[in-house]
């Protein structure tokens, strides 16, 4: 059973998330040749205060911009 775990910054619409889930699901089914019902897609949305790169949170970067 393939499990795809996607982490994103919060803020996308339900439609955007649904489209991404569908595209990821279809890509896994096609590329691995697994039954569609066996694919799991997990979406984790994180606030910009909980995502950092280079020792700086995204919230800090956004505030500076």
N, C-alpha and C. Protein backbone atom coordinates (compact mmCIF):
# COMPACT_ATOMS: atom_id res chain seq x y z
N UNK A 1 0.84 -1.18 0.00
CA UNK A 1 0.00 0.00 0.00
C UNK A 1 0.89 1.24 0.00
N UNK A 2 0.98 1.97 -1.12
CA UNK A 2 1.77 3.20 -1.14
C UNK A 2 1.12 4.29 -0.29
N UNK A 3 1.96 4.97 0.48
CA UNK A 3 1.52 6.11 1.27
C UNK A 3 2.37 7.30 0.88
N UNK A 4 1.71 8.37 0.43
CA UNK A 4 2.40 9.60 0.06
C UNK A 4 2.06 10.65 1.10
N UNK A 5 3.10 11.22 1.71
CA UNK A 5 2.92 12.22 2.76
C UNK A 5 3.38 13.57 2.22
N UNK A 6 2.45 14.53 2.12
CA UNK A 6 2.73 15.84 1.55
C UNK A 6 2.60 16.89 2.65
N UNK A 7 3.65 17.69 2.85
CA UNK A 7 3.60 18.79 3.82
C UNK A 7 3.59 20.10 3.04
N UNK A 8 2.66 20.98 3.40
CA UNK A 8 2.49 22.27 2.72
C UNK A 8 2.27 23.36 3.75
N UNK A 9 2.61 24.58 3.35
CA UNK A 9 2.20 25.71 4.17
C UNK A 9 0.68 25.85 4.07
N UNK A 10 0.04 26.18 5.14
CA UNK A 10 -1.41 26.37 5.15
C UNK A 10 -1.79 27.54 4.26
N UNK A 11 -3.00 27.49 3.71
CA UNK A 11 -3.49 28.64 2.96
C UNK A 11 -4.06 28.32 1.60
N UNK A 12 -3.98 27.08 1.17
CA UNK A 12 -4.55 26.73 -0.13
C UNK A 12 -6.03 26.42 0.01
N UNK A 13 -6.75 26.57 -1.09
CA UNK A 13 -8.19 26.30 -1.06
C UNK A 13 -8.45 24.80 -1.05
N UNK A 14 -9.65 24.42 -0.67
CA UNK A 14 -10.05 23.02 -0.71
C UNK A 14 -9.95 22.47 -2.13
N UNK A 15 -10.30 23.31 -3.11
CA UNK A 15 -10.23 22.88 -4.51
C UNK A 15 -8.79 22.60 -4.93
N UNK A 16 -7.86 23.46 -4.51
CA UNK A 16 -6.45 23.24 -4.83
C UNK A 16 -5.93 21.96 -4.19
N UNK A 17 -6.28 21.75 -2.94
CA UNK A 17 -5.85 20.54 -2.24
C UNK A 17 -6.44 19.29 -2.90
N UNK A 18 -7.70 19.36 -3.24
CA UNK A 18 -8.36 18.21 -3.88
C UNK A 18 -7.71 17.89 -5.22
N UNK A 19 -7.39 18.93 -6.00
CA UNK A 19 -6.73 18.72 -7.28
C UNK A 19 -5.35 18.09 -7.11
N UNK A 20 -4.59 18.54 -6.12
CA UNK A 20 -3.27 17.99 -5.85
C UNK A 20 -3.37 16.54 -5.42
N UNK A 21 -4.31 16.24 -4.52
CA UNK A 21 -4.52 14.86 -4.06
C UNK A 21 -4.83 13.96 -5.25
N UNK A 22 -5.71 14.40 -6.10
CA UNK A 22 -6.10 13.61 -7.26
C UNK A 22 -4.91 13.37 -8.19
N UNK A 23 -4.13 14.41 -8.45
CA UNK A 23 -2.97 14.29 -9.34
C UNK A 23 -1.91 13.36 -8.76
N UNK A 24 -1.64 13.48 -7.47
CA UNK A 24 -0.66 12.62 -6.81
C UNK A 24 -1.15 11.17 -6.84
N UNK A 25 -2.40 10.97 -6.51
CA UNK A 25 -2.99 9.63 -6.53
C UNK A 25 -2.84 9.00 -7.91
N UNK A 26 -3.24 9.73 -8.94
CA UNK A 26 -3.17 9.20 -10.30
C UNK A 26 -1.74 8.88 -10.72
N UNK A 27 -0.78 9.74 -10.32
CA UNK A 27 0.62 9.52 -10.67
C UNK A 27 1.16 8.25 -10.01
N UNK A 28 0.78 8.00 -8.78
CA UNK A 28 1.23 6.79 -8.09
C UNK A 28 0.63 5.56 -8.73
N UNK A 29 -0.65 5.60 -9.04
CA UNK A 29 -1.31 4.46 -9.69
C UNK A 29 -0.63 4.15 -11.02
N UNK A 30 -0.40 5.19 -11.84
CA UNK A 30 0.23 5.00 -13.15
C UNK A 30 1.67 4.50 -13.04
N UNK A 31 2.45 5.14 -12.20
CA UNK A 31 3.88 4.83 -12.15
C UNK A 31 4.19 3.51 -11.46
N UNK A 32 3.38 3.13 -10.50
CA UNK A 32 3.65 1.89 -9.77
C UNK A 32 2.76 0.73 -10.20
N UNK A 33 1.69 1.03 -10.93
CA UNK A 33 0.79 -0.02 -11.37
C UNK A 33 0.05 -0.69 -10.23
N UNK A 34 -0.30 0.09 -9.22
CA UNK A 34 -1.01 -0.45 -8.06
C UNK A 34 -2.51 -0.18 -8.19
N UNK A 35 -3.32 -0.95 -7.48
CA UNK A 35 -4.76 -0.68 -7.52
C UNK A 35 -5.07 0.70 -6.91
N UNK A 36 -5.96 1.45 -7.54
CA UNK A 36 -6.28 2.80 -7.04
C UNK A 36 -6.69 2.83 -5.57
N UNK A 37 -7.42 1.82 -5.13
CA UNK A 37 -7.90 1.82 -3.75
C UNK A 37 -6.79 1.58 -2.73
N UNK A 38 -5.60 1.21 -3.19
CA UNK A 38 -4.51 0.94 -2.25
C UNK A 38 -3.67 2.18 -1.94
N UNK A 39 -3.88 3.27 -2.67
CA UNK A 39 -3.04 4.46 -2.51
C UNK A 39 -3.61 5.36 -1.41
N UNK A 40 -2.72 5.78 -0.53
CA UNK A 40 -3.09 6.73 0.53
C UNK A 40 -2.31 8.02 0.32
N UNK A 41 -2.99 9.16 0.42
CA UNK A 41 -2.34 10.46 0.32
C UNK A 41 -2.66 11.22 1.60
N UNK A 42 -1.60 11.58 2.33
CA UNK A 42 -1.75 12.34 3.57
C UNK A 42 -1.32 13.77 3.31
N UNK A 43 -2.12 14.72 3.73
CA UNK A 43 -1.79 16.14 3.54
C UNK A 43 -1.66 16.79 4.91
N UNK A 44 -0.51 17.37 5.14
CA UNK A 44 -0.26 18.07 6.40
C UNK A 44 -0.07 19.55 6.08
N UNK A 45 -0.93 20.37 6.64
CA UNK A 45 -0.82 21.82 6.44
C UNK A 45 -0.22 22.43 7.71
N UNK A 46 0.83 23.19 7.51
CA UNK A 46 1.53 23.79 8.63
C UNK A 46 1.46 25.31 8.56
N UNK A 47 1.32 25.96 9.72
CA UNK A 47 1.35 27.43 9.70
C UNK A 47 2.78 27.91 9.43
N UNK A 48 2.93 29.12 8.90
CA UNK A 48 4.26 29.62 8.56
C UNK A 48 5.19 29.77 9.77
N UNK A 49 4.64 29.75 10.98
CA UNK A 49 5.48 29.80 12.18
C UNK A 49 6.09 28.45 12.52
N UNK A 50 5.61 27.39 11.87
CA UNK A 50 6.10 26.04 12.13
C UNK A 50 6.90 25.47 10.97
N UNK A 51 7.34 26.30 10.05
CA UNK A 51 8.10 25.88 8.88
C UNK A 51 9.30 26.82 8.78
N UNK A 52 10.49 26.25 8.76
CA UNK A 52 11.69 27.09 8.72
C UNK A 52 12.68 26.57 7.70
N UNK A 53 13.47 27.48 7.19
CA UNK A 53 14.58 27.16 6.30
C UNK A 53 15.71 28.12 6.62
N UNK A 54 16.91 27.61 6.73
CA UNK A 54 18.04 28.48 7.04
C UNK A 54 17.95 29.13 8.40
N UNK A 55 17.27 28.47 9.34
CA UNK A 55 17.16 29.01 10.69
C UNK A 55 16.14 30.11 10.86
N UNK A 56 15.31 30.32 9.84
CA UNK A 56 14.32 31.40 9.88
C UNK A 56 12.98 30.83 9.47
N UNK A 57 11.93 31.19 10.23
CA UNK A 57 10.60 30.70 9.86
C UNK A 57 10.08 31.43 8.63
N UNK A 58 9.14 30.80 7.96
CA UNK A 58 8.51 31.44 6.81
C UNK A 58 7.78 32.70 7.25
N UNK A 59 7.18 32.68 8.43
CA UNK A 59 6.49 33.86 8.96
C UNK A 59 7.47 35.03 9.11
N UNK A 60 8.68 34.74 9.57
CA UNK A 60 9.69 35.79 9.70
C UNK A 60 10.09 36.34 8.33
N UNK A 61 10.25 35.45 7.37
CA UNK A 61 10.58 35.88 6.00
C UNK A 61 9.47 36.75 5.42
N UNK A 62 8.22 36.31 5.64
CA UNK A 62 7.09 37.06 5.10
C UNK A 62 7.00 38.44 5.75
N UNK A 63 7.27 38.53 7.04
CA UNK A 63 7.20 39.81 7.75
C UNK A 63 8.28 40.77 7.24
N UNK A 64 9.42 40.22 6.87
CA UNK A 64 10.53 41.03 6.40
C UNK A 64 10.32 41.51 4.96
N UNK A 65 9.55 40.76 4.19
CA UNK A 65 9.38 41.08 2.76
C UNK A 65 8.48 42.28 2.53
